[in-house]
Amino acid sequence: MREHIMNLTPSPMQMIKDGKKTIELRLYDEKRQLISVGDTIKFINTEDSNDTLCVTVIDLFVFTSFAELYDNLPLLKCGYNEDNINTASPDDMEKYYSKEKQSQFGVIGIEISLL
């Protein structure tokens, strides 16, 4: 078992704390390829490094693109809510990861549970 460190913006961090977001979406790059079920992830708030959150990895879902991920995972667990689920789009993830990077590495949904 290993601990991984990841930065996270305040909004999704709060959603995880509140139990509203249980799947974290990331690029399946070299760093994320090291994650296994049972590992822990320590999220650090990008606006306050003293604000951290520890979770355990309970499942991993790897896809070739966010379009494929959005078709297969429950988006209400991925950070969307009833107010914005109807406008949810894989393009939303392009502000974090370019289409080129998505093609190069693929993407992952990391199902987590609060420790």
C-alpha atoms as a PDB file:
ATOM      1  CA  MET A   1       0.000   0.000   0.000  1.00  0.00           C
ATOM      2  CA  ARG A   2       1.227   3.456  -0.788  1.00  0.00           C
ATOM      3  CA  GLU A   3       0.191   7.022  -0.213  1.00  0.00           C
ATOM      4  CA  HIS A   4      -0.140   9.354  -3.175  1.00  0.00           C
ATOM      5  CA  ILE A   5      -0.189  13.146  -2.925  1.00  0.00           C
ATOM      6  CA  MET A   6      -2.457  15.161  -5.245  1.00  0.00           C
ATOM      7  CA  ASN A   7      -3.439  18.799  -5.410  1.00  0.00           C
ATOM      8  CA  LEU A   8      -7.127  19.628  -5.547  1.00  0.00           C
ATOM      9  CA  THR A   9      -9.046  22.889  -5.889  1.00  0.00           C
ATOM     10  CA  PRO A  10     -11.351  23.910  -3.000  1.00  0.00           C
ATOM     11  CA  SER A  11     -14.712  23.099  -4.625  1.00  0.00           C
ATOM     12  CA  PRO A  12     -14.148  19.385  -5.410  1.00  0.00           C
ATOM     13  CA  MET A  13     -12.296  19.032  -2.114  1.00  0.00           C
ATOM     14  CA  GLN A  14     -15.385  20.227  -0.225  1.00  0.00           C
ATOM     15  CA  MET A  15     -17.617  17.920  -2.287  1.00  0.00           C
ATOM     16  CA  ILE A  16     -15.445  14.942  -1.261  1.00  0.00           C
ATOM     17  CA  LYS A  17     -15.595  16.019   2.400  1.00  0.00           C
ATOM     18  CA  ASP A  18     -19.385  16.276   2.124  1.00  0.00           C
ATOM     19  CA  GLY A  19     -19.622  12.816   0.531  1.00  0.00           C
ATOM     20  CA  LYS A  20     -21.049  14.239  -2.703  1.00  0.00           C
ATOM     21  CA  LYS A  21     -18.040  13.346  -4.885  1.00  0.00           C
ATOM     22  CA  THR A  22     -16.712   9.793  -4.678  1.00  0.00           C
ATOM     23  CA  ILE A  23     -14.956   9.512  -8.051  1.00  0.00           C
ATOM     24  CA  GLU A  24     -11.963  11.745  -8.826  1.00  0.00           C
ATOM     25  CA  LEU A  25     -11.205  12.237 -12.527  1.00  0.00           C
ATOM     26  CA  ARG A  26      -7.597  12.481 -13.676  1.00  0.00           C
ATOM     27  CA  LEU A  27      -5.292  11.937 -16.594  1.00  0.00           C
ATOM     28  CA  TYR A  28      -3.929   8.371 -16.539  1.00  0.00           C
ATOM     29  CA  ASP A  29      -0.338   9.609 -16.634  1.00  0.00           C
ATOM     30  CA  GLU A  30       2.752   8.002 -15.114  1.00  0.00           C
ATOM     31  CA  LYS A  31       1.861   9.269 -11.631  1.00  0.00           C
ATOM     32  CA  ARG A  32      -1.711   7.892 -11.727  1.00  0.00           C
ATOM     33  CA  GLN A  33      -0.587   4.554 -13.216  1.00  0.00           C
ATOM     34  CA  LEU A  34       1.097   3.830  -9.855  1.00  0.00           C
ATOM     35  CA  ILE A  35      -2.236   3.906  -7.983  1.00  0.00           C
ATOM     36  CA  SER A  36      -3.726   0.608  -6.811  1.00  0.00           C
ATOM     37  CA  VAL A  37      -6.931  -0.314  -5.008  1.00  0.00           C
ATOM     38  CA  GLY A  38      -6.239  -0.079  -1.270  1.00  0.00           C
ATOM     39  CA  ASP A  39      -3.770   2.810  -1.611  1.00  0.00           C
ATOM     40  CA  THR A  40      -4.422   6.126   0.095  1.00  0.00           C
ATOM     41  CA  ILE A  41      -4.463   9.563  -1.491  1.00  0.00           C
ATOM     42  CA  LYS A  42      -3.723  12.743   0.415  1.00  0.00           C
ATOM     43  CA  PHE A  43      -5.394  15.687  -1.307  1.00  0.00           C
ATOM     44  CA  ILE A  44      -3.899  19.114  -0.644  1.00  0.00           C
ATOM     45  CA  ASN A  45      -6.062  22.190  -1.155  1.00  0.00           C
ATOM     46  CA  THR A  46      -4.491  24.321  -3.903  1.00  0.00           C
ATOM     47  CA  GLU A  47      -5.425  27.492  -2.004  1.00  0.00           C
ATOM     48  CA  ASP A  48      -4.452  26.364   1.515  1.00  0.00           C
ATOM     49  CA  SER A  49      -1.714  23.751   1.855  1.00  0.00           C
ATOM     50  CA  ASN A  50      -2.672  23.201   5.515  1.00  0.00           C
ATOM     51  CA  ASP A  51      -6.064  21.912   4.365  1.00  0.00           C
ATOM     52  CA  THR A  52      -5.640  18.220   3.533  1.00  0.00           C
ATOM     53  CA  LEU A  53      -7.937  15.261   3.090  1.00  0.00           C
ATOM     54  CA  CYS A  54      -7.084  11.551   3.152  1.00  0.00           C
ATOM     55  CA  VAL A  55      -9.042   8.933   1.226  1.00  0.00           C
ATOM     56  CA  THR A  56      -8.638   5.293   0.345  1.00  0.00           C
ATOM     57  CA  VAL A  57      -8.872   4.002  -3.232  1.00  0.00           C
ATOM     58  CA  ILE A  58     -11.711   1.502  -3.603  1.00  0.00           C
ATOM     59  CA  ASP A  59     -11.840   1.107  -7.396  1.00  0.00           C
ATOM     60  CA  LEU A  60     -10.167   2.301 -10.600  1.00  0.00           C
ATOM     61  CA  PHE A  61     -11.831   2.905 -13.970  1.00  0.00           C
ATOM     62  CA  VAL A  62      -9.492   3.460 -16.929  1.00  0.00           C
ATOM     63  CA  PHE A  63     -10.759   4.819 -20.250  1.00  0.00           C
ATOM     64  CA  THR A  64      -9.266   6.111 -23.505  1.00  0.00           C
ATOM     65  CA  SER A  65     -10.985   9.513 -23.168  1.00  0.00           C
ATOM     66  CA  PHE A  66     -13.230  11.573 -20.930  1.00  0.00           C
ATOM     67  CA  ALA A  67     -16.001  11.064 -23.523  1.00  0.00           C
ATOM     68  CA  GLU A  68     -15.824   7.313 -22.864  1.00  0.00           C
ATOM     69  CA  LEU A  69     -15.591   7.873 -19.099  1.00  0.00           C
ATOM     70  CA  TYR A  70     -18.647  10.186 -19.123  1.00  0.00           C
ATOM     71  CA  ASP A  71     -20.622   7.501 -20.990  1.00  0.00           C
ATOM     72  CA  ASN A  72     -19.772   4.827 -18.412  1.00  0.00           C
ATOM     73  CA  LEU A  73     -19.552   6.376 -14.950  1.00  0.00           C
ATOM     74  CA  PRO A  74     -22.287   7.988 -12.803  1.00  0.00           C
ATOM     75  CA  LEU A  75     -21.538  11.707 -13.180  1.00  0.00           C
ATOM     76  CA  LEU A  76     -23.313  12.580  -9.916  1.00  0.00           C
ATOM     77  CA  LYS A  77     -20.419  10.773  -8.196  1.00  0.00           C
ATOM     78  CA  CYS A  78     -17.839  12.627 -10.325  1.00  0.00           C
ATOM     79  CA  GLY A  79     -18.479  16.136  -9.028  1.00  0.00           C
ATOM     80  CA  TYR A  80     -21.673  17.102 -10.820  1.00  0.00           C
ATOM     81  CA  ASN A  81     -24.947  17.820  -9.062  1.00  0.00           C
ATOM     82  CA  GLU A  82     -28.636  18.039  -9.977  1.00  0.00           C
ATOM     83  CA  ASP A  83     -28.159  21.674 -11.039  1.00  0.00           C
ATOM     84  CA  ASN A  84     -25.425  21.045 -13.616  1.00  0.00           C
ATOM     85  CA  ILE A  85     -25.783  17.353 -14.580  1.00  0.00           C
ATOM     86  CA  ASN A  86     -27.804  18.228 -17.696  1.00  0.00           C
ATOM     87  CA  THR A  87     -24.970  20.357 -19.062  1.00  0.00           C
ATOM     88  CA  ALA A  88     -22.162  17.968 -18.046  1.00  0.00           C
ATOM     89  CA  SER A  89     -19.740  17.435 -20.897  1.00  0.00           C
ATOM     90  CA  PRO A  90     -16.402  15.650 -21.319  1.00  0.00           C
ATOM     91  CA  ASP A  91     -15.203  18.981 -22.744  1.00  0.00           C
ATOM     92  CA  ASP A  92     -15.398  20.313 -19.163  1.00  0.00           C
ATOM     93  CA  MET A  93     -12.176  18.382 -18.463  1.00  0.00           C
ATOM     94  CA  GLU A  94     -10.249  20.121 -21.242  1.00  0.00           C
ATOM     95  CA  LYS A  95      -9.546  23.059 -18.948  1.00  0.00           C
ATOM     96  CA  TYR A  96      -7.379  20.609 -16.972  1.00  0.00           C
ATOM     97  CA  TYR A  97      -6.147  18.179 -19.640  1.00  0.00           C
ATOM     98  CA  SER A  98      -5.719  18.791 -23.371  1.00  0.00           C
ATOM     99  CA  LYS A  99      -7.137  16.363 -25.935  1.00  0.00           C
ATOM    100  CA  GLU A 100      -3.528  15.535 -26.871  1.00  0.00           C
ATOM    101  CA  LYS A 101      -2.691  14.506 -23.294  1.00  0.00           C
ATOM    102  CA  GLN A 102      -5.925  12.502 -23.088  1.00  0.00           C
ATOM    103  CA  SER A 103      -4.986  10.663 -26.289  1.00  0.00           C
ATOM    104  CA  GLN A 104      -1.437  10.090 -25.067  1.00  0.00           C
ATOM    105  CA  PHE A 105      -2.256   8.702 -21.608  1.00  0.00           C
ATOM    106  CA  GLY A 106      -5.956   7.903 -21.386  1.00  0.00           C
ATOM    107  CA  VAL A 107      -7.985   8.929 -18.349  1.00  0.00           C
ATOM    108  CA  ILE A 108      -8.977   7.419 -15.013  1.00  0.00           C
ATOM    109  CA  GLY A 109     -11.858   7.620 -12.581  1.00  0.00           C
ATOM    110  CA  ILE A 110     -10.546   6.919  -9.085  1.00  0.00           C
ATOM    111  CA  GLU A 111     -13.335   5.777  -6.764  1.00  0.00           C
ATOM    112  CA  ILE A 112     -12.520   6.876  -3.237  1.00  0.00           C
ATOM    113  CA  SER A 113     -13.796   6.642   0.297  1.00  0.00           C
ATOM    114  CA  LEU A 114     -13.020   9.026   3.166  1.00  0.00           C
ATOM    115  CA  LEU A 115     -10.626   7.699   5.788  1.00  0.00           C
END
